[in-house]
Amino acid sequence: MLASLVLLALLMPGQSQDPTLPPPEAHLKATAVGLGVQVYRCAPRHGTYQWTLEMPIARLFDPATRQPVGTHSVGPTWTWMDGSSITGEVIARRPAANPANLPSLLVRTHSSGGATGALTDVTLVRRSDTQAGVPTMGCDAVHQNNEVRVPYQATYSFYAAGQTSAH
C-alpha cells in the first residue's frame, strides 16, 4: 500500500506556483476592489472571429471602508484619487478555474502621471479573485464590430519593490 502511494505521488504532477504572485521582496502598499466592465469588440483575427479587449472601465474601492479610491482604465492604467497614476504591461497570467472569469494577472508598472501620491512607487499590480468579465455570447461574421460590456469584479493589489512599511 505504501509503495503504491509513493508511486502515485511520483506520477502526479507537482503543484506549480502561481505565476501572478509578486516576488518575495515586493511590499504590498494597497489593495482595492475593482467594479466595472470589460469592453470587447468582435473582430476577425487569425482566420476566425474573436472578442478583443478594448478597455476596462472600473472604479476602485477600499475593501475595508468601501469608499472610492480611484479608477482603472485603458492602458492598463490605474489612477488614484490623489492624482497619482500608473500604467503597465502584463508579465504573467493565470487562467481562472471558471472560463467566465477573467484570468489573474501580474502587471509591471511605471508612473504615468505628473502627480506624486499613493501609486508613485508602485512597480507591480496583481489582479486576482476575479468574478465574470469574459464574453459568453458568440462572436462571428454576423456580430463583427459589435461591442459588449461585460460586468466584472476583481481584487487589485499594488506593490512597491523591496520597501518596508513605515508603520
N, C-alpha and C. Protein backbone atom coordinates (compact mmCIF):
# COMPACT_ATOMS: atom_id res chain seq x y z
N MET A 1 0.82 -1.19 0.00
CA MET A 1 0.00 0.00 0.00
C MET A 1 0.87 1.26 0.00
N LEU A 2 1.87 1.29 0.90
CA LEU A 2 2.74 2.44 0.99
C LEU A 2 3.49 2.65 -0.32
N ALA A 3 3.94 1.58 -0.93
CA ALA A 3 4.66 1.67 -2.21
C ALA A 3 3.74 2.25 -3.29
N SER A 4 2.47 1.90 -3.27
CA SER A 4 1.52 2.44 -4.25
C SER A 4 1.33 3.94 -4.07
N LEU A 5 1.26 4.38 -2.81
CA LEU A 5 1.10 5.81 -2.55
C LEU A 5 2.33 6.59 -2.99
N VAL A 6 3.52 6.04 -2.74
CA VAL A 6 4.75 6.71 -3.16
C VAL A 6 4.78 6.80 -4.68
N LEU A 7 4.45 5.73 -5.36
CA LEU A 7 4.43 5.72 -6.82
C LEU A 7 3.42 6.72 -7.35
N LEU A 8 2.25 6.78 -6.74
CA LEU A 8 1.22 7.73 -7.15
C LEU A 8 1.71 9.16 -6.98
N ALA A 9 2.38 9.45 -5.86
CA ALA A 9 2.90 10.79 -5.61
C ALA A 9 3.95 11.17 -6.64
N LEU A 10 4.77 10.21 -7.07
CA LEU A 10 5.79 10.49 -8.08
C LEU A 10 5.20 10.74 -9.46
N LEU A 11 4.07 10.09 -9.75
CA LEU A 11 3.45 10.22 -11.06
C LEU A 11 2.58 11.46 -11.17
N MET A 12 2.12 11.97 -10.03
CA MET A 12 1.25 13.15 -10.05
C MET A 12 2.08 14.38 -10.33
N PRO A 13 1.62 15.26 -11.22
CA PRO A 13 2.38 16.49 -11.45
C PRO A 13 2.37 17.35 -10.20
N GLY A 14 3.48 18.01 -9.93
CA GLY A 14 3.60 18.86 -8.74
C GLY A 14 2.75 20.11 -8.87
N GLN A 15 2.43 20.69 -7.75
CA GLN A 15 1.69 21.94 -7.75
C GLN A 15 2.64 23.04 -8.22
N SER A 16 2.30 23.70 -9.28
CA SER A 16 3.15 24.79 -9.74
C SER A 16 2.75 26.07 -9.02
N GLN A 17 3.74 26.90 -8.76
CA GLN A 17 3.46 28.16 -8.08
C GLN A 17 2.69 29.08 -9.01
N ASP A 18 1.83 29.87 -8.46
CA ASP A 18 1.04 30.84 -9.22
C ASP A 18 1.98 31.89 -9.82
N PRO A 19 2.06 31.99 -11.16
CA PRO A 19 2.98 32.95 -11.78
C PRO A 19 2.57 34.40 -11.56
N THR A 20 1.37 34.64 -11.04
CA THR A 20 0.94 36.02 -10.81
C THR A 20 1.29 36.52 -9.40
N LEU A 21 1.92 35.67 -8.59
CA LEU A 21 2.35 36.12 -7.27
C LEU A 21 3.56 37.03 -7.43
N PRO A 22 3.62 38.13 -6.70
CA PRO A 22 4.79 39.01 -6.80
C PRO A 22 6.01 38.36 -6.16
N PRO A 23 7.20 38.85 -6.47
CA PRO A 23 8.40 38.30 -5.83
C PRO A 23 8.37 38.58 -4.33
N PRO A 24 9.08 37.76 -3.54
CA PRO A 24 9.03 37.91 -2.08
C PRO A 24 9.48 39.29 -1.57
N GLU A 25 10.36 39.96 -2.31
CA GLU A 25 10.84 41.27 -1.85
C GLU A 25 9.84 42.40 -2.11
N ALA A 26 8.79 42.14 -2.86
CA ALA A 26 7.78 43.17 -3.13
C ALA A 26 6.97 43.45 -1.86
N HIS A 27 6.65 44.70 -1.64
CA HIS A 27 5.91 45.14 -0.45
C HIS A 27 4.51 45.60 -0.86
N LEU A 28 3.49 45.02 -0.24
CA LEU A 28 2.11 45.41 -0.52
C LEU A 28 1.85 46.81 0.02
N LYS A 29 1.46 47.72 -0.88
CA LYS A 29 1.15 49.11 -0.49
C LYS A 29 -0.33 49.33 -0.30
N ALA A 30 -1.14 48.73 -1.16
CA ALA A 30 -2.58 48.98 -1.10
C ALA A 30 -3.32 47.85 -1.81
N THR A 31 -4.57 47.68 -1.45
CA THR A 31 -5.46 46.72 -2.10
C THR A 31 -6.76 47.45 -2.41
N ALA A 32 -7.31 47.18 -3.57
CA ALA A 32 -8.59 47.79 -3.95
C ALA A 32 -9.45 46.75 -4.66
N VAL A 33 -10.74 46.91 -4.53
CA VAL A 33 -11.70 46.08 -5.27
C VAL A 33 -12.13 46.87 -6.49
N GLY A 34 -11.97 46.28 -7.66
CA GLY A 34 -12.41 46.91 -8.89
C GLY A 34 -13.78 46.42 -9.28
N LEU A 35 -14.69 47.34 -9.55
CA LEU A 35 -16.04 47.03 -10.02
C LEU A 35 -16.28 47.82 -11.29
N GLY A 36 -16.62 47.12 -12.36
CA GLY A 36 -16.84 47.83 -13.61
C GLY A 36 -17.18 46.89 -14.74
N VAL A 37 -16.70 47.25 -15.93
CA VAL A 37 -16.95 46.44 -17.13
C VAL A 37 -15.64 46.28 -17.90
N GLN A 38 -15.58 45.18 -18.63
CA GLN A 38 -14.53 44.95 -19.62
C GLN A 38 -15.22 45.16 -20.97
N VAL A 39 -14.68 46.04 -21.79
CA VAL A 39 -15.28 46.37 -23.08
C VAL A 39 -14.57 45.57 -24.18
N TYR A 40 -15.35 44.80 -24.94
CA TYR A 40 -14.82 43.96 -26.01
C TYR A 40 -15.46 44.34 -27.34
N ARG A 41 -14.74 44.05 -28.43
CA ARG A 41 -15.27 44.22 -29.77
C ARG A 41 -15.05 42.91 -30.52
N CYS A 42 -16.06 42.47 -31.27
CA CYS A 42 -15.97 41.27 -32.09
C CYS A 42 -15.22 41.63 -33.37
N ALA A 43 -14.10 40.95 -33.62
CA ALA A 43 -13.26 41.31 -34.76
C ALA A 43 -12.64 40.07 -35.38
N PRO A 44 -12.36 40.12 -36.70
CA PRO A 44 -11.66 38.99 -37.32
C PRO A 44 -10.22 38.92 -36.81
N ARG A 45 -9.78 37.70 -36.53
CA ARG A 45 -8.42 37.50 -36.03
C ARG A 45 -7.99 36.08 -36.31
N HIS A 46 -6.85 35.95 -36.98
CA HIS A 46 -6.27 34.63 -37.29
C HIS A 46 -7.27 33.72 -38.00
N GLY A 47 -7.99 34.26 -38.97
CA GLY A 47 -8.90 33.46 -39.78
C GLY A 47 -10.22 33.13 -39.14
N THR A 48 -10.50 33.69 -37.98
CA THR A 48 -11.78 33.45 -37.31
C THR A 48 -12.22 34.77 -36.66
N TYR A 49 -13.27 34.74 -35.89
CA TYR A 49 -13.73 35.93 -35.18
C TYR A 49 -13.53 35.71 -33.68
N GLN A 50 -13.05 36.75 -33.01
CA GLN A 50 -12.81 36.66 -31.57
C GLN A 50 -13.18 37.97 -30.90
N TRP A 51 -13.58 37.86 -29.63
CA TRP A 51 -13.77 39.05 -28.83
C TRP A 51 -12.40 39.59 -28.46
N THR A 52 -12.16 40.86 -28.76
CA THR A 52 -10.89 41.52 -28.46
C THR A 52 -11.13 42.59 -27.41
N LEU A 53 -10.32 42.54 -26.34
CA LEU A 53 -10.47 43.53 -25.27
C LEU A 53 -10.10 44.90 -25.79
N GLU A 54 -10.99 45.86 -25.60
CA GLU A 54 -10.72 47.24 -25.96
C GLU A 54 -10.23 48.03 -24.75
N MET A 55 -10.92 47.83 -23.61
CA MET A 55 -10.53 48.56 -22.40
C MET A 55 -11.34 48.10 -21.20
N PRO A 56 -10.76 48.26 -20.01
CA PRO A 56 -11.56 48.13 -18.79
C PRO A 56 -12.07 49.53 -18.40
N ILE A 57 -13.21 49.55 -17.78
CA ILE A 57 -13.73 50.79 -17.19
C ILE A 57 -14.22 50.39 -15.80
N ALA A 58 -13.47 50.78 -14.79
CA ALA A 58 -13.84 50.35 -13.44
C ALA A 58 -13.53 51.43 -12.41
N ARG A 59 -14.28 51.38 -11.33
CA ARG A 59 -13.98 52.20 -10.16
C ARG A 59 -13.31 51.30 -9.15
N LEU A 60 -12.38 51.86 -8.40
CA LEU A 60 -11.65 51.12 -7.38
C LEU A 60 -12.14 51.55 -6.01
N PHE A 61 -12.34 50.56 -5.13
CA PHE A 61 -12.87 50.84 -3.80
C PHE A 61 -11.97 50.23 -2.73
N ASP A 62 -11.83 50.93 -1.61
CA ASP A 62 -11.12 50.39 -0.46
C ASP A 62 -11.94 49.20 0.06
N PRO A 63 -11.34 48.03 0.21
CA PRO A 63 -12.14 46.87 0.64
C PRO A 63 -12.65 46.98 2.08
N ALA A 64 -11.99 47.77 2.92
CA ALA A 64 -12.42 47.90 4.31
C ALA A 64 -13.53 48.93 4.47
N THR A 65 -13.37 50.10 3.83
CA THR A 65 -14.34 51.19 4.02
C THR A 65 -15.39 51.25 2.93
N ARG A 66 -15.12 50.57 1.82
CA ARG A 66 -16.00 50.59 0.63
C ARG A 66 -16.07 51.99 -0.01
N GLN A 67 -15.14 52.85 0.35
CA GLN A 67 -15.08 54.19 -0.23
C GLN A 67 -14.27 54.16 -1.53
N PRO A 68 -14.65 54.98 -2.53
CA PRO A 68 -13.88 55.01 -3.78
C PRO A 68 -12.46 55.54 -3.54
N VAL A 69 -11.48 54.89 -4.21
CA VAL A 69 -10.09 55.32 -4.09
C VAL A 69 -9.48 55.65 -5.44
N GLY A 70 -10.12 55.25 -6.55
CA GLY A 70 -9.54 55.53 -7.85
C GLY A 70 -10.30 54.87 -8.98
N THR A 71 -9.62 54.80 -10.14
CA THR A 71 -10.22 54.22 -11.34
C THR A 71 -9.20 53.31 -12.04
N HIS A 72 -9.74 52.46 -12.91
CA HIS A 72 -8.93 51.57 -13.75
C HIS A 72 -9.44 51.75 -15.17
N SER A 73 -8.50 51.98 -16.11
CA SER A 73 -8.90 52.27 -17.49
C SER A 73 -7.90 51.70 -18.49
N VAL A 74 -8.08 52.08 -19.76
CA VAL A 74 -7.25 51.58 -20.84
C VAL A 74 -5.78 51.85 -20.55
N GLY A 75 -4.94 50.96 -20.99
CA GLY A 75 -3.50 51.13 -20.80
C GLY A 75 -2.78 49.81 -20.59
N PRO A 76 -3.04 49.04 -19.55
CA PRO A 76 -3.94 49.35 -18.43
C PRO A 76 -3.36 50.46 -17.55
N THR A 77 -4.26 51.29 -17.06
CA THR A 77 -3.88 52.42 -16.21
C THR A 77 -4.74 52.41 -14.95
N TRP A 78 -4.09 52.71 -13.83
CA TRP A 78 -4.77 52.90 -12.56
C TRP A 78 -4.50 54.32 -12.09
N THR A 79 -5.54 55.02 -11.69
CA THR A 79 -5.40 56.40 -11.22
C THR A 79 -6.04 56.50 -9.85
N TRP A 80 -5.27 57.00 -8.88
CA TRP A 80 -5.76 57.16 -7.51
C TRP A 80 -6.43 58.51 -7.37
N MET A 81 -7.25 58.68 -6.36
CA MET A 81 -7.97 59.94 -6.14
C MET A 81 -7.00 61.09 -5.83
N ASP A 82 -5.75 60.78 -5.41
CA ASP A 82 -4.78 61.83 -5.14
C ASP A 82 -4.08 62.33 -6.41
N GLY A 83 -4.47 61.76 -7.57
CA GLY A 83 -3.90 62.18 -8.86
C GLY A 83 -2.74 61.33 -9.33
N SER A 84 -2.17 60.48 -8.47
CA SER A 84 -1.07 59.62 -8.91
C SER A 84 -1.63 58.56 -9.85
N SER A 85 -0.79 58.16 -10.82
CA SER A 85 -1.26 57.27 -11.88
C SER A 85 -0.13 56.36 -12.32
N ILE A 86 -0.48 55.10 -12.65
CA ILE A 86 0.48 54.14 -13.17
C ILE A 86 -0.11 53.44 -14.38
N THR A 87 0.78 53.06 -15.30
CA THR A 87 0.40 52.30 -16.49
C THR A 87 1.32 51.09 -16.54
N GLY A 88 0.85 50.00 -17.12
CA GLY A 88 1.69 48.81 -17.11
C GLY A 88 1.50 47.89 -18.27
N GLU A 89 2.28 46.79 -18.20
CA GLU A 89 2.18 45.73 -19.20
C GLU A 89 2.14 44.40 -18.48
N VAL A 90 1.32 43.48 -18.97
CA VAL A 90 1.15 42.17 -18.36
C VAL A 90 2.45 41.38 -18.51
N ILE A 91 2.94 40.82 -17.38
CA ILE A 91 4.14 39.98 -17.42
C ILE A 91 3.84 38.53 -17.03
N ALA A 92 2.68 38.26 -16.41
CA ALA A 92 2.30 36.89 -16.07
C ALA A 92 0.78 36.80 -16.03
N ARG A 93 0.30 35.62 -16.36
CA ARG A 93 -1.15 35.39 -16.42
C ARG A 93 -1.44 33.97 -15.93
N ARG A 94 -2.56 33.84 -15.24
CA ARG A 94 -3.02 32.52 -14.79
C ARG A 94 -4.51 32.41 -15.09
N PRO A 95 -4.89 31.43 -15.92
CA PRO A 95 -6.31 31.28 -16.25
C PRO A 95 -7.15 31.03 -15.00
N ALA A 96 -8.36 31.54 -15.02
CA ALA A 96 -9.29 31.30 -13.92
C ALA A 96 -9.84 29.89 -14.04
N ALA A 97 -10.22 29.30 -12.92
CA ALA A 97 -10.81 27.96 -12.93
C ALA A 97 -12.13 27.96 -13.70
N ASN A 98 -12.88 29.06 -13.60
CA ASN A 98 -14.14 29.21 -14.31
C ASN A 98 -13.86 30.04 -15.58
N PRO A 99 -14.12 29.50 -16.77
CA PRO A 99 -13.81 30.23 -18.00
C PRO A 99 -14.60 31.53 -18.19
N ALA A 100 -15.64 31.75 -17.39
CA ALA A 100 -16.40 33.00 -17.47
C ALA A 100 -15.71 34.12 -16.68
N ASN A 101 -14.68 33.76 -15.90
CA ASN A 101 -13.96 34.75 -15.09
C ASN A 101 -12.67 35.15 -15.78
N LEU A 102 -12.28 36.39 -15.60
CA LEU A 102 -11.02 36.90 -16.14
C LEU A 102 -9.85 36.16 -15.52
N PRO A 103 -8.73 36.06 -16.23
CA PRO A 103 -7.54 35.44 -15.63
C PRO A 103 -6.93 36.37 -14.58
N SER A 104 -6.17 35.78 -13.67
CA SER A 104 -5.35 36.58 -12.75
C SER A 104 -4.17 37.08 -13.55
N LEU A 105 -3.68 38.28 -13.20
CA LEU A 105 -2.56 38.89 -13.92
C LEU A 105 -1.54 39.46 -12.95
N LEU A 106 -0.30 39.54 -13.41
CA LEU A 106 0.73 40.33 -12.75
C LEU A 106 1.19 41.34 -13.79
N VAL A 107 1.16 42.61 -13.42
CA VAL A 107 1.44 43.70 -14.35
C VAL A 107 2.63 44.52 -13.82
N ARG A 108 3.65 44.70 -14.66
CA ARG A 108 4.77 45.59 -14.32
C ARG A 108 4.33 47.01 -14.65
N THR A 109 4.53 47.94 -13.73
CA THR A 109 4.01 49.29 -13.92
C THR A 109 5.10 50.35 -13.81
N HIS A 110 4.76 51.53 -14.29
CA HIS A 110 5.59 52.73 -14.14
C HIS A 110 4.65 53.93 -13.97
N SER A 111 5.16 54.95 -13.33
CA SER A 111 4.37 56.16 -13.10
C SER A 111 4.01 56.78 -14.45
N SER A 112 2.74 57.19 -14.59
CA SER A 112 2.31 57.75 -15.86
C SER A 112 1.70 59.14 -15.71
N GLY A 113 1.73 59.67 -14.51
CA GLY A 113 1.17 61.00 -14.29
C GLY A 113 2.20 61.89 -13.63
N GLY A 114 1.94 63.16 -13.61
CA GLY A 114 2.86 64.10 -13.01
C GLY A 114 2.71 64.19 -11.50
N ALA A 115 1.57 63.77 -10.97
CA ALA A 115 1.31 63.91 -9.54
C ALA A 115 1.99 62.80 -8.75
N THR A 116 2.49 63.14 -7.57
CA THR A 116 3.00 62.13 -6.66
C THR A 116 1.90 61.78 -5.67
N GLY A 117 1.92 60.53 -5.23
CA GLY A 117 0.89 60.09 -4.30
C GLY A 117 1.01 58.60 -4.03
N ALA A 118 -0.11 57.99 -3.71
CA ALA A 118 -0.15 56.59 -3.28
C ALA A 118 0.44 55.63 -4.29
N LEU A 119 0.32 55.92 -5.59
CA LEU A 119 0.80 54.98 -6.61
C LEU A 119 2.19 55.30 -7.14
N THR A 120 2.82 56.36 -6.67
CA THR A 120 4.08 56.84 -7.24
C THR A 120 5.16 55.76 -7.32
N ASP A 121 5.37 54.99 -6.24
CA ASP A 121 6.45 53.99 -6.27
C ASP A 121 5.94 52.57 -6.49
N VAL A 122 4.71 52.42 -6.96
CA VAL A 122 4.17 51.09 -7.27
C VAL A 122 4.82 50.57 -8.54
N THR A 123 5.34 49.35 -8.47
CA THR A 123 6.02 48.73 -9.62
C THR A 123 5.31 47.49 -10.13
N LEU A 124 4.38 46.94 -9.34
CA LEU A 124 3.63 45.76 -9.75
C LEU A 124 2.18 45.89 -9.30
N VAL A 125 1.28 45.39 -10.13
CA VAL A 125 -0.14 45.28 -9.76
C VAL A 125 -0.54 43.84 -10.04
N ARG A 126 -1.22 43.23 -9.09
CA ARG A 126 -1.75 41.88 -9.27
C ARG A 126 -3.27 41.94 -9.31
N ARG A 127 -3.86 41.36 -10.36
CA ARG A 127 -5.32 41.21 -10.43
C ARG A 127 -5.62 39.77 -10.03
N SER A 128 -6.51 39.60 -9.06
CA SER A 128 -6.87 38.27 -8.58
C SER A 128 -8.33 38.25 -8.16
N ASP A 129 -8.78 37.10 -7.70
CA ASP A 129 -10.15 36.94 -7.20
C ASP A 129 -11.17 37.50 -8.19
N THR A 130 -11.00 37.17 -9.45
CA THR A 130 -11.88 37.73 -10.48
C THR A 130 -13.24 37.04 -10.50
N GLN A 131 -14.24 37.83 -10.83
CA GLN A 131 -15.59 37.32 -11.00
C GLN A 131 -16.14 37.90 -12.29
N ALA A 132 -16.47 37.01 -13.22
CA ALA A 132 -17.03 37.37 -14.52
C ALA A 132 -16.03 38.16 -15.37
N GLY A 133 -16.52 38.93 -16.35
CA GLY A 133 -15.66 39.76 -17.18
C GLY A 133 -15.33 39.21 -18.55
N VAL A 134 -15.74 37.98 -18.84
CA VAL A 134 -15.44 37.36 -20.14
C VAL A 134 -16.73 37.23 -20.93
N PRO A 135 -16.74 37.64 -22.21
CA PRO A 135 -17.97 37.50 -23.00
C PRO A 135 -18.35 36.03 -23.14
N THR A 136 -19.63 35.76 -22.98
CA THR A 136 -20.11 34.39 -23.12
C THR A 136 -20.92 34.20 -24.41
N MET A 137 -21.25 35.31 -25.08
CA MET A 137 -22.02 35.21 -26.32
C MET A 137 -21.07 34.99 -27.51
N GLY A 138 -21.62 34.53 -28.61
CA GLY A 138 -20.82 34.22 -29.79
C GLY A 138 -20.27 35.46 -30.49
N CYS A 139 -19.15 35.25 -31.18
CA CYS A 139 -18.53 36.29 -31.99
C CYS A 139 -18.30 35.68 -33.37
N ASP A 140 -18.99 36.21 -34.38
CA ASP A 140 -18.88 35.67 -35.73
C ASP A 140 -19.09 36.81 -36.73
N ALA A 141 -19.17 36.48 -38.00
CA ALA A 141 -19.31 37.50 -39.05
C ALA A 141 -20.56 38.35 -38.84
N VAL A 142 -21.62 37.75 -38.33
CA VAL A 142 -22.86 38.49 -38.09
C VAL A 142 -22.66 39.55 -37.00
N HIS A 143 -21.79 39.26 -36.04
CA HIS A 143 -21.57 40.17 -34.91
C HIS A 143 -20.31 41.02 -35.06
N GLN A 144 -19.67 40.98 -36.24
CA GLN A 144 -18.44 41.73 -36.45
C GLN A 144 -18.64 43.20 -36.10
N ASN A 145 -17.69 43.75 -35.36
CA ASN A 145 -17.66 45.14 -34.89
C ASN A 145 -18.65 45.44 -33.77
N ASN A 146 -19.42 44.43 -33.33
CA ASN A 146 -20.29 44.65 -32.17
C ASN A 146 -19.44 44.85 -30.93
N GLU A 147 -19.91 45.71 -30.05
CA GLU A 147 -19.24 45.94 -28.78
C GLU A 147 -20.09 45.37 -27.66
N VAL A 148 -19.43 44.71 -26.69
CA VAL A 148 -20.13 44.25 -25.49
C VAL A 148 -19.38 44.75 -24.27
N ARG A 149 -20.15 45.04 -23.24
CA ARG A 149 -19.60 45.47 -21.95
C ARG A 149 -19.97 44.41 -20.93
N VAL A 150 -18.95 43.72 -20.45
CA VAL A 150 -19.18 42.59 -19.55
C VAL A 150 -18.82 43.01 -18.12
N PRO A 151 -19.81 43.04 -17.22
CA PRO A 151 -19.53 43.40 -15.83
C PRO A 151 -18.50 42.45 -15.21
N TYR A 152 -17.69 43.00 -14.30
CA TYR A 152 -16.71 42.16 -13.61
C TYR A 152 -16.38 42.78 -12.26
N GLN A 153 -15.73 41.95 -11.45
CA GLN A 153 -15.17 42.39 -10.17
C GLN A 153 -13.82 41.70 -10.03
N ALA A 154 -12.86 42.39 -9.43
CA ALA A 154 -11.53 41.81 -9.18
C ALA A 154 -10.88 42.52 -8.02
N THR A 155 -9.92 41.85 -7.42
CA THR A 155 -9.08 42.46 -6.40
C THR A 155 -7.79 42.91 -7.07
N TYR A 156 -7.41 44.15 -6.82
CA TYR A 156 -6.14 44.69 -7.32
C TYR A 156 -5.23 44.94 -6.13
N SER A 157 -4.05 44.34 -6.17
CA SER A 157 -3.04 44.52 -5.12
C SER A 157 -1.89 45.30 -5.72
N PHE A 158 -1.49 46.36 -5.04
CA PHE A 158 -0.46 47.28 -5.54
C PHE A 158 0.81 47.08 -4.72
N TYR A 159 1.94 46.83 -5.41
CA TYR A 159 3.21 46.51 -4.75
C TYR A 159 4.31 47.49 -5.12
N ALA A 160 5.15 47.79 -4.14
CA ALA A 160 6.38 48.57 -4.37
C ALA A 160 7.54 47.59 -4.22
N ALA A 161 8.61 47.84 -4.93
CA ALA A 161 9.76 46.92 -4.91
C ALA A 161 10.59 47.11 -3.67
N GLY A 162 10.77 46.02 -2.93
CA GLY A 162 11.72 45.94 -1.84
C GLY A 162 11.65 46.99 -0.76
N GLN A 163 10.49 47.51 -0.47
CA GLN A 163 10.37 48.51 0.60
C GLN A 163 9.67 47.92 1.79
N THR A 164 9.92 48.45 2.93
CA THR A 164 9.23 48.01 4.14
C THR A 164 8.28 49.10 4.58
N SER A 165 7.27 48.70 5.26
CA SER A 165 6.25 49.65 5.71
C SER A 165 6.81 50.59 6.77
N ALA A 166 6.37 51.83 6.72
CA ALA A 166 6.83 52.83 7.69
C ALA A 166 5.99 52.78 8.97
N HIS A 167 4.99 51.88 9.02
CA HIS A 167 4.10 51.82 10.19
C HIS A 167 4.75 51.13 11.36
